[in-house]
Amino acid sequence: MTKEERAELKKRIEETIEKTEKELSYLEDATKPITPENSIGRVSRMDAINNKSVSEVALRSARKKLSNLKIALHNIDNPTFGICSNCKRPIAPARLMFMPQSTRCVRCADR
C-alpha cells in the first residue's frame, strides 16, 4: 500500500467514524423503551416494539463497526496493516476503501 493510498484510507476511516457516530446517536434514540402510558393503539404499539427490536440489532452492528474502525485507524500506520490476518497476503486496496475495518482478504473472508 502506497503512502498516498494509506493517507486516503485514513481520511476515509475518519469520515466513516464520524458518520457511524451520528448513526449511533439516532439508533440510541430509536431504541429507547416504549412506555405503556403512551396513548397509541395496540397495533401501533406492536409496530413500535418491532421497530425498536430492529433498531437494537442495527445499534449493536453499528457499535461493532465503530469499534473496528477505531482499531483500524489506530493500526493504519503499522506495517502489517492491510495484510490478511489469515493468508498473510495484501488485502486489495478497493476492499479496504469499502470496508476499512477488514482484516482478511476477500478469499479468506468467504471461507
N, C-alpha and C. Protein backbone atom coordinates (compact mmCIF):
# COMPACT_ATOMS: atom_id res chain seq x y z
N MET A 1 0.85 -1.17 0.00
CA MET A 1 0.00 0.00 0.00
C MET A 1 0.90 1.24 0.00
N THR A 2 0.64 2.14 -0.93
CA THR A 2 1.47 3.34 -1.03
C THR A 2 1.09 4.35 0.07
N LYS A 3 1.95 5.32 0.23
CA LYS A 3 1.72 6.35 1.24
C LYS A 3 0.45 7.14 0.94
N GLU A 4 0.22 7.41 -0.35
CA GLU A 4 -0.97 8.16 -0.76
C GLU A 4 -2.25 7.35 -0.49
N GLU A 5 -2.19 6.05 -0.82
CA GLU A 5 -3.35 5.19 -0.56
C GLU A 5 -3.65 5.12 0.94
N ARG A 6 -2.59 5.05 1.73
CA ARG A 6 -2.75 4.99 3.18
C ARG A 6 -3.38 6.28 3.71
N ALA A 7 -2.92 7.44 3.19
CA ALA A 7 -3.47 8.73 3.62
C ALA A 7 -4.95 8.85 3.22
N GLU A 8 -5.27 8.40 2.01
CA GLU A 8 -6.65 8.45 1.55
C GLU A 8 -7.53 7.52 2.40
N LEU A 9 -7.00 6.36 2.72
CA LEU A 9 -7.74 5.41 3.54
C LEU A 9 -7.96 5.96 4.95
N LYS A 10 -6.95 6.61 5.49
CA LYS A 10 -7.07 7.20 6.83
C LYS A 10 -8.18 8.24 6.85
N LYS A 11 -8.23 9.07 5.80
CA LYS A 11 -9.29 10.08 5.69
C LYS A 11 -10.65 9.41 5.60
N ARG A 12 -10.72 8.34 4.82
CA ARG A 12 -11.98 7.60 4.66
C ARG A 12 -12.44 7.00 5.99
N ILE A 13 -11.50 6.44 6.75
CA ILE A 13 -11.84 5.86 8.05
C ILE A 13 -12.37 6.95 8.99
N GLU A 14 -11.71 8.09 9.03
CA GLU A 14 -12.16 9.18 9.89
C GLU A 14 -13.56 9.64 9.51
N GLU A 15 -13.84 9.74 8.20
CA GLU A 15 -15.17 10.14 7.76
C GLU A 15 -16.22 9.09 8.14
N THR A 16 -15.86 7.83 8.00
CA THR A 16 -16.78 6.75 8.34
C THR A 16 -17.05 6.70 9.83
N ILE A 17 -16.03 6.97 10.64
CA ILE A 17 -16.21 7.02 12.10
C ILE A 17 -17.21 8.12 12.45
N GLU A 18 -17.04 9.28 11.85
CA GLU A 18 -17.94 10.41 12.12
C GLU A 18 -19.38 10.06 11.72
N LYS A 19 -19.53 9.45 10.56
CA LYS A 19 -20.86 9.06 10.07
C LYS A 19 -21.48 8.00 10.99
N THR A 20 -20.69 7.04 11.42
CA THR A 20 -21.19 5.97 12.29
C THR A 20 -21.58 6.51 13.65
N GLU A 21 -20.83 7.47 14.17
CA GLU A 21 -21.18 8.08 15.47
C GLU A 21 -22.53 8.80 15.38
N LYS A 22 -22.80 9.47 14.27
CA LYS A 22 -24.10 10.12 14.08
C LYS A 22 -25.21 9.08 14.00
N GLU A 23 -24.93 7.99 13.29
CA GLU A 23 -25.90 6.90 13.17
C GLU A 23 -26.19 6.30 14.54
N LEU A 24 -25.15 6.14 15.36
CA LEU A 24 -25.33 5.60 16.71
C LEU A 24 -26.25 6.48 17.54
N SER A 25 -26.07 7.77 17.43
CA SER A 25 -26.91 8.71 18.17
C SER A 25 -28.38 8.54 17.79
N TYR A 26 -28.65 8.42 16.49
CA TYR A 26 -30.02 8.21 16.02
C TYR A 26 -30.56 6.88 16.53
N LEU A 27 -29.76 5.82 16.42
CA LEU A 27 -30.21 4.49 16.83
C LEU A 27 -30.45 4.40 18.32
N GLU A 28 -29.64 5.09 19.11
CA GLU A 28 -29.85 5.08 20.56
C GLU A 28 -31.19 5.71 20.91
N ASP A 29 -31.56 6.76 20.19
CA ASP A 29 -32.89 7.37 20.40
C ASP A 29 -34.00 6.41 19.98
N ALA A 30 -33.77 5.67 18.90
CA ALA A 30 -34.79 4.76 18.38
C ALA A 30 -34.98 3.52 19.25
N THR A 31 -34.03 3.25 20.13
CA THR A 31 -34.13 2.05 20.97
C THR A 31 -34.55 2.35 22.40
N LYS A 32 -34.99 3.56 22.64
CA LYS A 32 -35.48 3.88 23.98
C LYS A 32 -36.75 3.08 24.26
N PRO A 33 -36.97 2.73 25.51
CA PRO A 33 -38.16 1.93 25.85
C PRO A 33 -39.46 2.64 25.46
N ILE A 34 -40.43 1.83 25.13
CA ILE A 34 -41.76 2.33 24.79
C ILE A 34 -42.60 2.23 26.06
N THR A 35 -42.97 3.37 26.59
CA THR A 35 -43.71 3.37 27.85
C THR A 35 -45.17 3.00 27.63
N PRO A 36 -45.73 2.23 28.56
CA PRO A 36 -47.12 1.80 28.41
C PRO A 36 -48.13 2.95 28.50
N GLU A 37 -47.75 4.04 29.13
CA GLU A 37 -48.71 5.14 29.27
C GLU A 37 -48.84 5.98 28.00
N ASN A 38 -48.01 5.71 26.96
CA ASN A 38 -48.18 6.41 25.69
C ASN A 38 -49.54 6.04 25.11
N SER A 39 -50.28 7.04 24.66
CA SER A 39 -51.63 6.78 24.15
C SER A 39 -51.57 6.48 22.65
N ILE A 40 -51.09 5.28 22.35
CA ILE A 40 -51.11 4.82 20.96
C ILE A 40 -51.90 3.52 20.94
N GLY A 41 -52.40 3.20 19.78
CA GLY A 41 -53.22 2.00 19.65
C GLY A 41 -52.41 0.72 19.80
N ARG A 42 -53.12 -0.39 19.96
CA ARG A 42 -52.49 -1.68 20.18
C ARG A 42 -51.59 -2.07 19.00
N VAL A 43 -52.09 -1.89 17.76
CA VAL A 43 -51.31 -2.23 16.56
C VAL A 43 -50.10 -1.31 16.45
N SER A 44 -50.31 -0.03 16.72
CA SER A 44 -49.20 0.92 16.66
C SER A 44 -48.14 0.58 17.70
N ARG A 45 -48.56 0.15 18.88
CA ARG A 45 -47.62 -0.24 19.93
C ARG A 45 -46.81 -1.46 19.48
N MET A 46 -47.47 -2.42 18.83
CA MET A 46 -46.78 -3.61 18.33
C MET A 46 -45.76 -3.23 17.25
N ASP A 47 -46.14 -2.30 16.38
CA ASP A 47 -45.21 -1.81 15.35
C ASP A 47 -44.02 -1.12 16.00
N ALA A 48 -44.28 -0.31 17.01
CA ALA A 48 -43.21 0.40 17.71
C ALA A 48 -42.25 -0.57 18.38
N ILE A 49 -42.78 -1.62 18.98
CA ILE A 49 -41.94 -2.63 19.63
C ILE A 49 -41.10 -3.37 18.59
N ASN A 50 -41.72 -3.69 17.46
CA ASN A 50 -40.98 -4.36 16.38
C ASN A 50 -39.88 -3.46 15.84
N ASN A 51 -40.18 -2.20 15.59
CA ASN A 51 -39.18 -1.25 15.11
C ASN A 51 -38.05 -1.09 16.11
N LYS A 52 -38.38 -1.10 17.38
CA LYS A 52 -37.35 -1.00 18.43
C LYS A 52 -36.40 -2.19 18.36
N SER A 53 -36.95 -3.37 18.15
CA SER A 53 -36.12 -4.57 18.04
C SER A 53 -35.17 -4.50 16.85
N VAL A 54 -35.68 -4.03 15.72
CA VAL A 54 -34.85 -3.88 14.53
C VAL A 54 -33.75 -2.85 14.79
N SER A 55 -34.10 -1.76 15.45
CA SER A 55 -33.12 -0.71 15.75
C SER A 55 -32.05 -1.22 16.72
N GLU A 56 -32.43 -2.10 17.65
CA GLU A 56 -31.45 -2.65 18.59
C GLU A 56 -30.40 -3.49 17.87
N VAL A 57 -30.83 -4.26 16.88
CA VAL A 57 -29.88 -5.06 16.09
C VAL A 57 -28.95 -4.13 15.32
N ALA A 58 -29.51 -3.10 14.71
CA ALA A 58 -28.70 -2.14 13.96
C ALA A 58 -27.74 -1.40 14.88
N LEU A 59 -28.17 -1.11 16.10
CA LEU A 59 -27.33 -0.43 17.08
C LEU A 59 -26.12 -1.30 17.45
N ARG A 60 -26.37 -2.57 17.72
CA ARG A 60 -25.25 -3.48 18.04
C ARG A 60 -24.27 -3.57 16.88
N SER A 61 -24.78 -3.65 15.68
CA SER A 61 -23.94 -3.73 14.49
C SER A 61 -23.12 -2.45 14.32
N ALA A 62 -23.74 -1.30 14.52
CA ALA A 62 -23.05 -0.02 14.38
C ALA A 62 -21.97 0.14 15.44
N ARG A 63 -22.24 -0.31 16.66
CA ARG A 63 -21.23 -0.23 17.72
C ARG A 63 -20.02 -1.10 17.39
N LYS A 64 -20.27 -2.28 16.87
CA LYS A 64 -19.17 -3.18 16.50
C LYS A 64 -18.35 -2.56 15.36
N LYS A 65 -19.06 -2.00 14.37
CA LYS A 65 -18.38 -1.36 13.24
C LYS A 65 -17.52 -0.19 13.73
N LEU A 66 -18.06 0.63 14.62
CA LEU A 66 -17.31 1.77 15.14
C LEU A 66 -16.06 1.30 15.88
N SER A 67 -16.20 0.27 16.68
CA SER A 67 -15.05 -0.27 17.40
C SER A 67 -13.97 -0.76 16.43
N ASN A 68 -14.38 -1.48 15.40
CA ASN A 68 -13.42 -1.99 14.42
C ASN A 68 -12.78 -0.86 13.62
N LEU A 69 -13.55 0.19 13.33
CA LEU A 69 -12.98 1.34 12.61
C LEU A 69 -11.94 2.05 13.46
N LYS A 70 -12.20 2.19 14.74
CA LYS A 70 -11.23 2.85 15.63
C LYS A 70 -9.96 2.01 15.74
N ILE A 71 -10.10 0.70 15.76
CA ILE A 71 -8.92 -0.17 15.78
C ILE A 71 -8.14 -0.01 14.48
N ALA A 72 -8.86 0.03 13.34
CA ALA A 72 -8.20 0.21 12.04
C ALA A 72 -7.47 1.55 11.98
N LEU A 73 -8.09 2.60 12.49
CA LEU A 73 -7.45 3.92 12.50
C LEU A 73 -6.19 3.90 13.36
N HIS A 74 -6.26 3.22 14.48
CA HIS A 74 -5.11 3.11 15.38
C HIS A 74 -3.96 2.33 14.72
N ASN A 75 -4.31 1.32 13.93
CA ASN A 75 -3.30 0.43 13.34
C ASN A 75 -2.87 0.82 11.94
N ILE A 76 -3.43 1.87 11.37
CA ILE A 76 -3.18 2.18 9.96
C ILE A 76 -1.70 2.44 9.65
N ASP A 77 -0.94 2.92 10.61
CA ASP A 77 0.48 3.19 10.36
C ASP A 77 1.38 1.98 10.62
N ASN A 78 0.81 0.90 11.12
CA ASN A 78 1.58 -0.32 11.32
C ASN A 78 1.93 -0.95 9.97
N PRO A 79 3.12 -1.51 9.85
CA PRO A 79 3.49 -2.14 8.57
C PRO A 79 2.61 -3.34 8.20
N THR A 80 1.97 -3.95 9.19
CA THR A 80 1.12 -5.12 8.91
C THR A 80 -0.31 -4.73 8.55
N PHE A 81 -0.64 -3.43 8.60
CA PHE A 81 -1.99 -3.01 8.23
C PHE A 81 -2.19 -3.27 6.74
N GLY A 82 -3.33 -3.85 6.40
CA GLY A 82 -3.63 -4.14 5.00
C GLY A 82 -3.13 -5.51 4.58
N ILE A 83 -2.62 -6.28 5.53
CA ILE A 83 -2.18 -7.65 5.28
C ILE A 83 -3.22 -8.59 5.88
N CYS A 84 -3.63 -9.58 5.11
CA CYS A 84 -4.63 -10.53 5.56
C CYS A 84 -4.13 -11.28 6.80
N SER A 85 -4.97 -11.32 7.81
CA SER A 85 -4.59 -11.99 9.06
C SER A 85 -4.56 -13.51 8.90
N ASN A 86 -5.16 -14.01 7.82
CA ASN A 86 -5.21 -15.46 7.61
C ASN A 86 -4.10 -15.95 6.68
N CYS A 87 -4.06 -15.42 5.46
CA CYS A 87 -3.10 -15.92 4.45
C CYS A 87 -1.84 -15.07 4.33
N LYS A 88 -1.82 -13.92 5.01
CA LYS A 88 -0.67 -13.01 5.03
C LYS A 88 -0.38 -12.34 3.69
N ARG A 89 -1.35 -12.33 2.78
CA ARG A 89 -1.22 -11.60 1.51
C ARG A 89 -1.85 -10.22 1.67
N PRO A 90 -1.46 -9.27 0.81
CA PRO A 90 -2.08 -7.93 0.89
C PRO A 90 -3.58 -7.97 0.60
N ILE A 91 -4.31 -7.19 1.37
CA ILE A 91 -5.75 -7.03 1.12
C ILE A 91 -5.89 -5.99 0.02
N ALA A 92 -6.76 -6.24 -0.93
CA ALA A 92 -6.94 -5.32 -2.06
C ALA A 92 -7.31 -3.93 -1.55
N PRO A 93 -6.65 -2.88 -2.06
CA PRO A 93 -6.98 -1.51 -1.63
C PRO A 93 -8.45 -1.16 -1.81
N ALA A 94 -9.09 -1.69 -2.85
CA ALA A 94 -10.52 -1.40 -3.07
C ALA A 94 -11.35 -1.97 -1.91
N ARG A 95 -10.98 -3.13 -1.41
CA ARG A 95 -11.70 -3.73 -0.27
C ARG A 95 -11.51 -2.86 0.97
N LEU A 96 -10.29 -2.39 1.18
CA LEU A 96 -10.03 -1.55 2.35
C LEU A 96 -10.76 -0.21 2.25
N MET A 97 -10.90 0.31 1.04
CA MET A 97 -11.64 1.57 0.89
C MET A 97 -13.13 1.35 1.17
N PHE A 98 -13.65 0.19 0.79
CA PHE A 98 -15.06 -0.11 1.02
C PHE A 98 -15.32 -0.53 2.46
N MET A 99 -14.43 -1.33 3.01
CA MET A 99 -14.54 -1.83 4.39
C MET A 99 -13.19 -1.66 5.09
N PRO A 100 -12.89 -0.46 5.55
CA PRO A 100 -11.57 -0.21 6.14
C PRO A 100 -11.27 -1.06 7.37
N GLN A 101 -12.29 -1.61 8.00
CA GLN A 101 -12.08 -2.42 9.19
C GLN A 101 -11.73 -3.87 8.85
N SER A 102 -11.63 -4.20 7.56
CA SER A 102 -11.33 -5.57 7.14
C SER A 102 -9.95 -6.00 7.60
N THR A 103 -9.89 -7.21 8.10
CA THR A 103 -8.60 -7.79 8.50
C THR A 103 -8.26 -9.01 7.64
N ARG A 104 -9.20 -9.39 6.77
CA ARG A 104 -8.96 -10.53 5.89
C ARG A 104 -9.28 -10.16 4.45
N CYS A 105 -8.58 -10.80 3.52
CA CYS A 105 -8.84 -10.58 2.10
C CYS A 105 -10.18 -11.23 1.75
N VAL A 106 -10.67 -10.95 0.57
CA VAL A 106 -11.98 -11.45 0.14
C VAL A 106 -12.00 -12.98 0.17
N ARG A 107 -10.92 -13.58 -0.34
CA ARG A 107 -10.88 -15.05 -0.42
C ARG A 107 -10.96 -15.68 0.98
N CYS A 108 -10.20 -15.15 1.91
CA CYS A 108 -10.22 -15.71 3.27
C CYS A 108 -11.52 -15.38 4.02
N ALA A 109 -12.10 -14.24 3.73
CA ALA A 109 -13.36 -13.85 4.38
C ALA A 109 -14.51 -14.74 3.94
N ASP A 110 -14.44 -15.26 2.71
CA ASP A 110 -15.50 -16.12 2.20
C ASP A 110 -15.47 -17.52 2.81
N ARG A 111 -14.36 -17.88 3.38
CA ARG A 111 -14.24 -19.24 3.94
C ARG A 111 -14.94 -19.37 5.25
